[in-house]
């Protein structure tokens, strides 16, 4: 079962990412179903599926289903995808492809998903810790740093892409897993890397409040990440 699943996924990854030129993607978006590269793309997937399954005739029907569904999913994406929803359709497209692959594998090797295991103490504890270290911590930091952030807000800076928020979330996720894996050196590396990237901003800026804001925010973010990880390690693992 696992071998078949990996074979189909490998063919998908090779065909969708490694062996699909940018020119093909642009032509498909422009001409949609009339693009010859759409059919090249599906043909390439079909060949890759045959190769990764070693031309096993037992899987020919499944391979055909995967290839035809790939064509249908790609066509739907080409016609329904808009500029504003490009990112959303990218993930929908990939999830649908993986869903079809999982369904084909199930037809050959019926399997059960242990739903009950999802509610184990370890899984619930991990999910709780991840929610705490990401979005809950982001709100806590926003409240704690409001004194400095309010002073730094500019009148023309109402539009934001929330990049700082997501950087902080990723930062704390790295710290969380570093601590859980007992890889404390990774935290030092992360802190050093962030210091290097922030050095230019701090050097060019003569605003002491900005420096205070960045330093306090960094220390609080790291502290919350370590705290959540230590609580998870001591009470759940």
Protein backbone atom coordinates (compact mmCIF):
# COMPACT_ATOMS: atom_id res chain seq x y z
CA UNK A 1 0.00 0.00 0.00
CA UNK A 2 2.66 2.48 1.05
CA UNK A 3 4.81 1.65 -1.98
CA UNK A 4 1.91 2.31 -4.38
CA UNK A 5 1.01 5.57 -2.63
CA UNK A 6 4.60 6.82 -2.74
CA UNK A 7 4.92 5.80 -6.40
CA UNK A 8 1.82 7.80 -7.37
CA UNK A 9 2.81 10.80 -5.25
CA UNK A 10 6.34 10.79 -6.69
CA UNK A 11 4.97 10.83 -10.22
CA UNK A 12 2.67 13.71 -9.27
CA UNK A 13 5.46 15.78 -7.71
CA UNK A 14 7.77 15.21 -10.66
CA UNK A 15 5.10 16.09 -13.21
CA UNK A 16 3.62 19.08 -11.41
CA UNK A 17 6.80 20.71 -10.12
CA UNK A 18 10.12 19.35 -11.34
CA UNK A 19 9.31 18.67 -14.99
CA UNK A 20 6.74 21.37 -15.73
CA UNK A 21 8.39 24.43 -17.34
CA UNK A 22 7.12 27.90 -16.50
CA UNK A 23 6.30 28.42 -20.19
CA UNK A 24 3.80 25.55 -20.00
CA UNK A 25 2.09 27.10 -16.98
CA UNK A 26 1.79 30.53 -18.63
CA UNK A 27 0.46 29.06 -21.87
CA UNK A 28 -2.13 26.97 -20.01
CA UNK A 29 -3.36 30.02 -18.08
CA UNK A 30 -3.65 31.98 -21.31
CA UNK A 31 -5.21 29.40 -23.66
CA UNK A 32 -6.72 27.09 -21.05
CA UNK A 33 -8.17 23.92 -22.61
CA UNK A 34 -6.87 24.93 -26.03
CA UNK A 35 -3.28 24.90 -24.82
CA UNK A 36 -1.27 22.03 -26.24
CA UNK A 37 0.88 22.09 -23.11
CA UNK A 38 -2.09 21.03 -21.02
CA UNK A 39 -2.14 17.75 -22.94
CA UNK A 40 1.65 17.50 -22.83
CA UNK A 41 1.36 17.89 -19.07
CA UNK A 42 -1.20 15.12 -18.72
CA UNK A 43 0.78 12.88 -21.09
CA UNK A 44 3.89 13.46 -19.02
CA UNK A 45 2.00 12.50 -15.87
CA UNK A 46 0.74 9.33 -17.53
CA UNK A 47 4.29 8.32 -18.51
CA UNK A 48 5.62 9.10 -15.04
CA UNK A 49 2.84 7.08 -13.42
CA UNK A 50 3.69 4.10 -15.60
CA UNK A 51 7.38 4.40 -14.81
CA UNK A 52 6.99 4.76 -11.04
CA UNK A 53 4.61 1.77 -10.93
CA UNK A 54 7.02 -0.22 -13.11
CA UNK A 55 4.41 -0.71 -15.84
CA UNK A 56 2.49 -3.10 -13.59
CA UNK A 57 -0.68 -3.99 -15.49
CA UNK A 58 -2.55 -4.42 -12.20
CA UNK A 59 -2.42 -0.67 -11.74
CA UNK A 60 -3.33 0.43 -15.28
CA UNK A 61 -6.93 1.29 -14.40
CA UNK A 62 -5.85 3.27 -11.35
CA UNK A 63 -3.23 5.12 -13.37
CA UNK A 64 -5.83 6.02 -15.99
CA UNK A 65 -8.16 7.34 -13.28
CA UNK A 66 -5.39 9.47 -11.79
CA UNK A 67 -4.41 10.89 -15.18
CA UNK A 68 -7.99 11.68 -16.26
CA UNK A 69 -8.83 13.23 -12.89
CA UNK A 70 -5.67 15.31 -13.15
CA UNK A 71 -6.95 16.70 -16.45
CA UNK A 72 -10.35 17.52 -14.95
CA UNK A 73 -8.90 19.17 -11.84
CA UNK A 74 -6.43 21.23 -13.87
CA UNK A 75 -9.19 22.38 -16.22
CA UNK A 76 -11.35 23.45 -13.26
CA UNK A 77 -8.42 25.39 -11.82
CA UNK A 78 -7.70 27.11 -15.14
CA UNK A 79 -11.28 28.32 -15.55
CA UNK A 80 -12.15 29.19 -11.94
CA UNK A 81 -8.83 30.55 -10.72
CA UNK A 82 -8.61 34.35 -10.46
CA UNK A 83 -5.68 36.56 -9.59
CA UNK A 84 -6.97 37.08 -6.06
CA UNK A 85 -7.64 33.37 -5.51
CA UNK A 86 -4.45 31.99 -7.09
CA UNK A 87 -2.95 30.90 -3.78
CA UNK A 88 -6.19 29.28 -2.64
CA UNK A 89 -6.58 27.37 -5.90
CA UNK A 90 -2.99 26.17 -5.72
CA UNK A 91 -3.71 24.36 -2.46
CA UNK A 92 -7.17 23.19 -3.58
CA UNK A 93 -5.59 21.77 -6.73
CA UNK A 94 -2.90 19.87 -4.83
CA UNK A 95 -5.31 18.56 -2.19
CA UNK A 96 -7.68 17.27 -4.86
CA UNK A 97 -4.85 15.47 -6.66
CA UNK A 98 -3.70 13.86 -3.41
CA UNK A 99 -7.29 12.96 -2.58
CA UNK A 100 -7.70 11.11 -5.88
CA UNK A 101 -4.40 9.30 -5.34
CA UNK A 102 -5.51 8.27 -1.84
CA UNK A 103 -8.81 7.02 -3.25
CA UNK A 104 -7.08 4.96 -5.93
CA UNK A 105 -4.75 3.42 -3.35
CA UNK A 106 -7.76 2.59 -1.17
CA UNK A 107 -9.38 0.72 -4.07
CA UNK A 108 -6.32 -1.53 -4.33
CA UNK A 109 -5.48 -1.74 -0.63
CA UNK A 110 -8.48 -0.89 1.59
CA UNK A 111 -7.24 0.82 4.71
CA UNK A 112 -8.73 2.44 7.78
CA UNK A 113 -7.84 5.81 9.21
CA UNK A 114 -7.57 5.47 13.02
CA UNK A 115 -9.80 8.44 13.84
CA UNK A 116 -9.88 7.53 17.53
CA UNK A 117 -6.10 7.98 17.76
CA UNK A 118 -6.48 11.61 16.75
CA UNK A 119 -8.05 12.26 20.15
CA UNK A 120 -5.19 10.81 22.14
CA UNK A 121 -3.62 12.86 24.93
CA UNK A 122 -0.44 13.43 22.90
CA UNK A 123 -2.27 14.67 19.79
CA UNK A 124 -4.66 16.92 21.71
CA UNK A 125 -1.75 18.27 23.73
CA UNK A 126 0.28 18.96 20.60
CA UNK A 127 -2.64 20.71 18.89
CA UNK A 128 -3.27 22.84 21.98
CA UNK A 129 0.41 23.76 22.22
CA UNK A 130 0.56 24.70 18.52
CA UNK A 131 -2.50 26.96 18.84
CA UNK A 132 -0.94 28.60 21.90
CA UNK A 133 2.46 29.13 20.30
CA UNK A 134 1.06 30.56 17.07
CA UNK A 135 -2.10 32.66 17.14
CA UNK A 136 -2.70 32.95 20.89
CA UNK A 137 0.89 34.11 21.43
CA UNK A 138 0.53 36.58 18.55
CA UNK A 139 -2.44 38.22 20.30
CA UNK A 140 -0.65 38.20 23.66
CA UNK A 141 2.38 39.88 22.09
CA UNK A 142 0.17 42.46 20.38
CA UNK A 143 -1.35 43.39 23.74
CA UNK A 144 1.99 43.46 25.58
CA UNK A 145 3.69 45.54 22.88
CA UNK A 146 0.79 47.95 22.31
CA UNK A 147 2.61 50.69 24.24
CA UNK A 148 5.47 50.69 21.71
CA UNK A 149 3.53 49.77 18.58
CA UNK A 150 1.07 52.65 19.01
CA UNK A 151 3.96 55.09 19.11
CA UNK A 152 5.46 53.67 15.91
CA UNK A 153 2.30 53.59 13.79
CA UNK A 154 2.37 56.13 10.98
CA UNK A 155 -0.70 57.85 9.62
CA UNK A 156 -0.17 56.42 6.14
CA UNK A 157 0.60 52.93 7.36
CA UNK A 158 -2.95 51.60 7.63
CA UNK A 159 -2.47 48.96 4.94
CA UNK A 160 -0.38 46.02 6.13
CA UNK A 161 0.24 42.53 4.83
CA UNK A 162 0.72 41.15 8.36
CA UNK A 163 4.19 39.93 7.40
CA UNK A 164 5.53 40.61 10.90
CA UNK A 165 2.75 38.53 12.43
CA UNK A 166 3.50 35.51 10.26
CA UNK A 167 7.25 35.88 10.75
CA UNK A 168 6.65 35.76 14.49
CA UNK A 169 4.44 32.67 14.16
CA UNK A 170 7.07 30.84 12.13
CA UNK A 171 9.75 31.96 14.55
CA UNK A 172 7.91 30.53 17.55
CA UNK A 173 7.10 27.31 15.68
CA UNK A 174 10.80 26.78 15.00
CA UNK A 175 11.60 27.46 18.65
CA UNK A 176 8.84 25.11 19.80
CA UNK A 177 10.11 22.17 17.76
CA UNK A 178 13.75 22.95 18.60
CA UNK A 179 12.94 22.68 22.32
CA UNK A 180 10.75 19.57 21.89
CA UNK A 181 13.63 17.89 19.99
CA UNK A 182 16.06 19.12 22.66
CA UNK A 183 17.98 20.99 19.95
CA UNK A 184 18.73 24.16 21.89
CA UNK A 185 21.53 25.11 19.51
CA UNK A 186 18.87 25.82 16.89
CA UNK A 187 17.46 28.63 19.02
CA UNK A 188 20.88 30.27 19.15
CA UNK A 189 21.19 29.98 15.39
CA UNK A 190 17.71 31.47 14.90
CA UNK A 191 18.46 34.37 17.23
CA UNK A 192 21.76 35.07 15.47
CA UNK A 193 20.11 34.96 12.04
CA UNK A 194 17.36 37.35 13.11
CA UNK A 195 19.92 39.71 14.64
CA UNK A 196 21.83 39.85 11.35
CA UNK A 197 18.70 40.61 9.33
CA UNK A 198 17.54 43.24 11.81
CA UNK A 199 20.97 44.87 12.18
CA UNK A 200 20.48 47.02 9.09
CA UNK A 201 17.14 48.37 10.32
CA UNK A 202 18.51 49.18 13.74
CA UNK A 203 21.69 50.73 12.34
CA UNK A 204 19.90 53.03 9.91
CA UNK A 205 17.18 54.00 12.32
CA UNK A 206 17.93 56.53 15.04
CA UNK A 207 14.57 55.91 16.70
CA UNK A 208 15.24 54.40 20.12
CA UNK A 209 11.59 53.33 20.36
CA UNK A 210 11.96 51.13 17.27
CA UNK A 211 15.02 49.45 18.76
CA UNK A 212 13.20 48.87 22.05
CA UNK A 213 10.16 47.52 20.22
CA UNK A 214 12.19 45.02 18.18
CA UNK A 215 14.29 43.82 21.13
CA UNK A 216 11.40 43.44 23.54
CA UNK A 217 9.25 41.79 20.89
CA UNK A 218 11.99 39.32 20.03
CA UNK A 219 12.66 38.39 23.66
CA UNK A 220 8.96 37.98 24.43
CA UNK A 221 8.38 35.92 21.27
CA UNK A 222 11.30 33.62 22.07
CA UNK A 223 10.18 33.37 25.68
CA UNK A 224 6.63 32.37 24.78
CA UNK A 225 7.89 29.81 22.29
CA UNK A 226 10.19 28.22 24.87
CA UNK A 227 7.47 28.33 27.56
CA UNK A 228 4.90 26.53 25.40
CA UNK A 229 7.45 23.91 24.40
CA UNK A 230 8.55 23.27 27.98
CA UNK A 231 4.95 22.92 29.15
CA UNK A 232 4.30 20.43 26.35
CA UNK A 233 7.43 18.42 27.15
CA UNK A 234 6.79 18.27 30.89
CA UNK A 235 3.06 17.66 30.97
CA UNK A 236 2.21 15.87 27.72
CA UNK A 237 5.20 13.94 26.33
